[in-house]
């Protein structure tokens, strides 16, 4: 099962750790989407930047 993650808010003003998490998910600018596996590591990353992303499970 995969999760589609979309960056819906800008990374400007976010701290370095949040920016690093977004980049590790493959998100660089608003509107970027990435498919990631649904596992505890990905869930943890999403929880760190939940206010910046939108998640749709497939």
Protein backbone atom coordinates (compact mmCIF):
# COMPACT_ATOMS: atom_id res chain seq x y z
CA UNK A 1 0.00 0.00 0.00
CA UNK A 2 1.33 3.43 -0.91
CA UNK A 3 0.67 6.95 0.26
CA UNK A 4 0.52 9.92 -2.09
CA UNK A 5 1.90 12.94 -0.28
CA UNK A 6 1.41 16.47 -1.63
CA UNK A 7 3.13 19.62 -0.37
CA UNK A 8 0.37 22.22 0.05
CA UNK A 9 2.18 24.93 2.04
CA UNK A 10 5.52 26.62 1.51
CA UNK A 11 8.68 25.52 3.28
CA UNK A 12 9.68 29.17 3.78
CA UNK A 13 9.78 29.87 7.49
CA UNK A 14 10.04 26.21 8.43
CA UNK A 15 12.99 25.07 10.50
CA UNK A 16 15.87 23.10 8.98
CA UNK A 17 14.63 19.75 10.26
CA UNK A 18 11.20 20.20 8.67
CA UNK A 19 12.78 21.19 5.36
CA UNK A 20 15.04 18.12 5.53
CA UNK A 21 12.06 15.85 6.18
CA UNK A 22 10.18 17.32 3.19
CA UNK A 23 13.21 16.81 0.95
CA UNK A 24 13.61 13.22 2.18
CA UNK A 25 10.02 12.59 1.09
CA UNK A 26 10.83 14.05 -2.34
CA UNK A 27 8.95 17.34 -1.86
CA UNK A 28 10.69 20.55 -2.90
CA UNK A 29 8.05 23.09 -3.86
CA UNK A 30 4.31 23.64 -3.48
CA UNK A 31 2.30 21.18 -5.55
CA UNK A 32 4.96 18.47 -5.62
CA UNK A 33 3.64 14.97 -5.00
CA UNK A 34 5.46 11.81 -4.02
CA UNK A 35 4.43 8.19 -3.59
CA UNK A 36 5.88 6.65 -0.44
CA UNK A 37 5.34 3.24 1.20
CA UNK A 38 2.96 3.14 4.15
CA UNK A 39 5.34 2.18 6.96
CA UNK A 40 6.24 3.56 10.41
CA UNK A 41 9.18 5.59 9.07
CA UNK A 42 7.02 7.39 6.51
CA UNK A 43 4.25 7.93 9.08
CA UNK A 44 6.78 9.55 11.41
CA UNK A 45 8.00 11.88 8.67
CA UNK A 46 4.45 12.87 7.82
CA UNK A 47 3.67 13.62 11.47
CA UNK A 48 6.65 16.02 11.63
CA UNK A 49 5.34 18.12 8.74
CA UNK A 50 1.61 17.35 8.90
CA UNK A 51 0.77 21.06 8.80
CA UNK A 52 2.51 21.38 5.40
CA UNK A 53 1.30 18.28 3.55
CA UNK A 54 -1.85 16.53 2.41
CA UNK A 55 -1.94 12.72 2.35
CA UNK A 56 -4.06 10.46 0.16
CA UNK A 57 -3.77 6.69 0.56
CA UNK A 58 -4.15 4.44 -2.48
